[in-house]
Protein backbone atom coordinates (compact mmCIF):
# COMPACT_ATOMS: atom_id res chain seq x y z
CA UNK A 1 114.11 61.78 90.85
CA UNK A 2 116.00 59.92 93.52
CA UNK A 3 114.85 58.64 96.89
CA UNK A 4 116.72 61.52 98.50
CA UNK A 5 114.65 64.01 96.47
CA UNK A 6 111.44 62.76 98.03
CA UNK A 7 113.04 62.85 101.45
CA UNK A 8 114.07 66.49 101.02
CA UNK A 9 110.67 67.52 99.67
CA UNK A 10 108.79 65.72 102.43
CA UNK A 11 111.01 67.21 105.12
CA UNK A 12 110.57 70.77 103.87
CA UNK A 13 106.81 70.31 103.50
CA UNK A 14 106.22 68.46 106.76
CA UNK A 15 108.11 71.02 108.83
CA UNK A 16 107.06 74.05 106.72
CA UNK A 17 110.66 75.23 106.50
CA UNK A 18 112.82 77.55 104.48
CA UNK A 19 116.44 76.42 104.83
CA UNK A 20 119.82 76.68 103.13
CA UNK A 21 121.73 73.48 102.32
CA UNK A 22 123.86 73.15 105.48
CA UNK A 23 121.03 73.53 108.05
CA UNK A 24 118.82 71.28 105.91
CA UNK A 25 121.55 68.62 105.91
CA UNK A 26 122.03 68.93 109.68
CA UNK A 27 118.32 68.73 110.43
CA UNK A 28 117.73 65.78 108.13
CA UNK A 29 120.46 63.85 109.93
CA UNK A 30 119.23 65.05 113.33
CA UNK A 31 115.85 63.52 112.48
CA UNK A 32 117.44 60.17 111.60
CA UNK A 33 117.87 60.48 107.85
CA UNK A 34 121.34 59.50 106.73
CA UNK A 35 122.25 61.84 103.91
CA UNK A 36 125.52 63.58 103.07
CA UNK A 37 125.97 67.31 102.77
CA UNK A 38 127.20 67.06 99.16
CA UNK A 39 124.11 65.01 98.31
CA UNK A 40 121.81 67.65 99.82
CA UNK A 41 123.57 70.42 97.86
CA UNK A 42 123.41 68.45 94.62
CA UNK A 43 119.77 67.42 95.02
CA UNK A 44 118.67 70.97 95.93
CA UNK A 45 120.06 72.10 92.58
CA UNK A 46 118.20 69.39 90.70
CA UNK A 47 114.95 70.01 92.59
CA UNK A 48 115.23 73.73 91.85
CA UNK A 49 115.96 73.05 88.16
CA UNK A 50 112.69 71.11 87.94
CA UNK A 51 110.69 73.68 89.90
CA UNK A 52 109.95 71.43 92.88
CA UNK A 53 111.64 73.81 95.29
CA UNK A 54 112.35 77.50 95.00
CA UNK A 55 115.07 79.76 96.27
CA UNK A 56 113.34 82.28 98.52
CA UNK A 57 116.22 84.74 98.89
CA UNK A 58 119.78 85.47 97.84
CA UNK A 59 121.16 83.90 101.02
CA UNK A 60 120.35 80.48 99.54
CA UNK A 61 117.23 79.56 101.50
CA UNK A 62 114.97 77.02 99.81
CA UNK A 63 111.31 76.13 100.30
CA UNK A 64 109.07 73.60 98.64
CA UNK A 65 107.17 75.06 95.68
CA UNK A 66 103.55 74.54 94.68
CA UNK A 67 104.80 71.97 92.12
CA UNK A 68 106.65 70.18 94.91
CA UNK A 69 103.48 70.11 97.02
CA UNK A 70 101.51 68.79 94.03
CA UNK A 71 104.12 66.07 93.48
CA UNK A 72 103.91 64.95 97.12
CA UNK A 73 100.11 64.90 96.91
CA UNK A 74 100.30 62.65 93.84
CA UNK A 75 98.88 65.32 91.55
CA UNK A 76 101.99 65.86 89.45
CA UNK A 77 104.06 63.41 87.43
CA UNK A 78 107.66 64.60 87.43
CA UNK A 79 108.22 63.03 84.02
CA UNK A 80 106.09 65.90 82.67
CA UNK A 81 108.45 68.55 84.10
CA UNK A 82 111.34 70.02 82.16
CA UNK A 83 114.58 71.19 83.67
CA UNK A 84 115.17 74.92 83.49
CA UNK A 85 118.80 74.24 82.47
């Protein structure tokens, strides 16, 4: 997990959003978080691999998963998760 992972998870949870990479990148920066588009794309893949976010449709929209919510609440240790790759 990187600091950017927590930022992405918190943003999706706090705003109750389903977003693809580009709008997520734009909104993160609009809200004062300095993060690059390539970083957002890369981290979304990692977060999905570990089940902390889920793709909600084939258009590439992502939402925080129940595991992601549990992680943010302090009820899940990510070291216990395995990548789906």
